[in-house]
C-alpha atoms as a PDB file:
ATOM      1  CA  MET A   1      95.528  36.790  21.873  1.00  0.00           C
ATOM      2  CA  PRO A   2      92.780  39.224  22.730  1.00  0.00           C
ATOM      3  CA  TYR A   3      93.864  42.032  25.914  1.00  0.00           C
ATOM      4  CA  VAL A   4      90.757  43.898  27.347  1.00  0.00           C
ATOM      5  CA  ASN A   5      91.566  46.117  30.103  1.00  0.00           C
ATOM      6  CA  ILE A   6      88.655  47.730  31.920  1.00  0.00           C
ATOM      7  CA  LYS A   7      89.106  50.917  34.119  1.00  0.00           C
ATOM      8  CA  ILE A   8      86.783  51.263  36.803  1.00  0.00           C
ATOM      9  CA  THR A   9      86.392  53.849  39.788  1.00  0.00           C
ATOM     10  CA  LYS A  10      87.178  51.917  42.914  1.00  0.00           C
ATOM     11  CA  GLU A  11      84.039  52.387  44.672  1.00  0.00           C
ATOM     12  CA  GLY A  12      82.894  49.142  45.929  1.00  0.00           C
ATOM     13  CA  ALA A  13      82.486  46.535  42.856  1.00  0.00           C
ATOM     14  CA  THR A  14      82.010  43.367  44.160  1.00  0.00           C
ATOM     15  CA  ALA A  15      84.049  40.116  43.557  1.00  0.00           C
ATOM     16  CA  GLU A  16      80.734  38.561  41.769  1.00  0.00           C
ATOM     17  CA  GLN A  17      80.226  41.811  39.719  1.00  0.00           C
ATOM     18  CA  LYS A  18      83.934  41.865  38.466  1.00  0.00           C
ATOM     19  CA  ALA A  19      83.776  38.278  37.724  1.00  0.00           C
ATOM     20  CA  GLN A  20      80.409  38.964  35.105  1.00  0.00           C
ATOM     21  CA  LEU A  21      82.554  41.824  33.709  1.00  0.00           C
ATOM     22  CA  ILE A  22      85.493  39.219  32.931  1.00  0.00           C
ATOM     23  CA  GLN A  23      82.747  37.007  31.412  1.00  0.00           C
ATOM     24  CA  GLY A  24      80.953  39.459  29.713  1.00  0.00           C
ATOM     25  CA  ALA A  25      83.856  40.680  27.959  1.00  0.00           C
ATOM     26  CA  THR A  26      85.643  37.617  26.785  1.00  0.00           C
ATOM     27  CA  GLN A  27      81.834  36.282  25.830  1.00  0.00           C
ATOM     28  CA  LEU A  28      81.746  39.811  23.817  1.00  0.00           C
ATOM     29  CA  LEU A  29      85.015  38.958  21.994  1.00  0.00           C
ATOM     30  CA  VAL A  30      84.382  35.361  21.174  1.00  0.00           C
ATOM     31  CA  ASP A  31      80.745  35.970  19.617  1.00  0.00           C
ATOM     32  CA  VAL A  32      81.784  39.211  17.683  1.00  0.00           C
ATOM     33  CA  LEU A  33      85.233  38.453  16.847  1.00  0.00           C
ATOM     34  CA  GLY A  34      85.530  34.562  17.429  1.00  0.00           C
ATOM     35  CA  LYS A  35      88.184  34.725  19.534  1.00  0.00           C
ATOM     36  CA  ASN A  36      89.091  31.864  21.955  1.00  0.00           C
ATOM     37  CA  PRO A  37      88.014  32.510  25.234  1.00  0.00           C
ATOM     38  CA  ALA A  38      90.824  30.224  26.590  1.00  0.00           C
ATOM     39  CA  THR A  39      93.467  32.795  25.422  1.00  0.00           C
ATOM     40  CA  THR A  40      91.584  36.477  26.212  1.00  0.00           C
ATOM     41  CA  VAL A  41      92.840  38.361  28.591  1.00  0.00           C
ATOM     42  CA  VAL A  42      90.713  40.625  30.609  1.00  0.00           C
ATOM     43  CA  VAL A  43      92.284  42.775  33.368  1.00  0.00           C
ATOM     44  CA  ILE A  44      90.246  45.184  35.809  1.00  0.00           C
ATOM     45  CA  ASP A  45      91.725  48.144  37.277  1.00  0.00           C
ATOM     46  CA  GLU A  46      90.359  49.949  40.145  1.00  0.00           C
ATOM     47  CA  VAL A  47      91.196  54.128  40.218  1.00  0.00           C
ATOM     48  CA  ASP A  48      90.259  55.618  43.237  1.00  0.00           C
ATOM     49  CA  THR A  49      88.142  59.032  42.334  1.00  0.00           C
ATOM     50  CA  ASP A  50      91.224  61.190  43.472  1.00  0.00           C
ATOM     51  CA  ASN A  51      92.860  59.750  40.512  1.00  0.00           C
ATOM     52  CA  TRP A  52      90.064  60.120  37.851  1.00  0.00           C
ATOM     53  CA  GLY A  53      88.815  63.457  36.376  1.00  0.00           C
ATOM     54  CA  VAL A  54      86.144  64.066  33.850  1.00  0.00           C
ATOM     55  CA  GLY A  55      85.839  68.146  33.178  1.00  0.00           C
ATOM     56  CA  GLY A  56      88.455  69.499  34.833  1.00  0.00           C
ATOM     57  CA  GLU A  57      87.495  67.789  38.174  1.00  0.00           C
ATOM     58  CA  THR A  58      88.132  64.762  40.140  1.00  0.00           C
ATOM     59  CA  ILE A  59      85.155  61.925  40.405  1.00  0.00           C
ATOM     60  CA  THR A  60      85.216  62.891  44.220  1.00  0.00           C
ATOM     61  CA  VAL A  61      84.538  65.991  43.897  1.00  0.00           C
ATOM     62  CA  ARG A  62      81.678  65.556  41.180  1.00  0.00           C
ATOM     63  CA  ARG A  63      80.356  62.954  43.452  1.00  0.00           C
ATOM     64  CA  GLN A  64      80.049  65.623  46.391  1.00  0.00           C
ATOM     65  CA  GLN A  65      78.706  67.791  43.964  1.00  0.00           C
ATOM     66  CA  GLY A  66      75.419  65.228  42.976  1.00  0.00           C
ATOM     67  CA  LYS A  67      77.056  65.107  39.200  1.00  0.00           C
END
């Protein structure tokens, strides 16, 4: 049973976009590894930009700086 965990920043991904991510990740495992889509689990975690850092800075700060 494959388990996929997708982490994205909490910046307004729509329900439709999340559904596309779930479908796409499932299909990728079917196509590449021959996995059963009925037993493939996909979880999307939305992380606040204050809780996600890159290069020693939070994403909130990086967004404010235009990075």
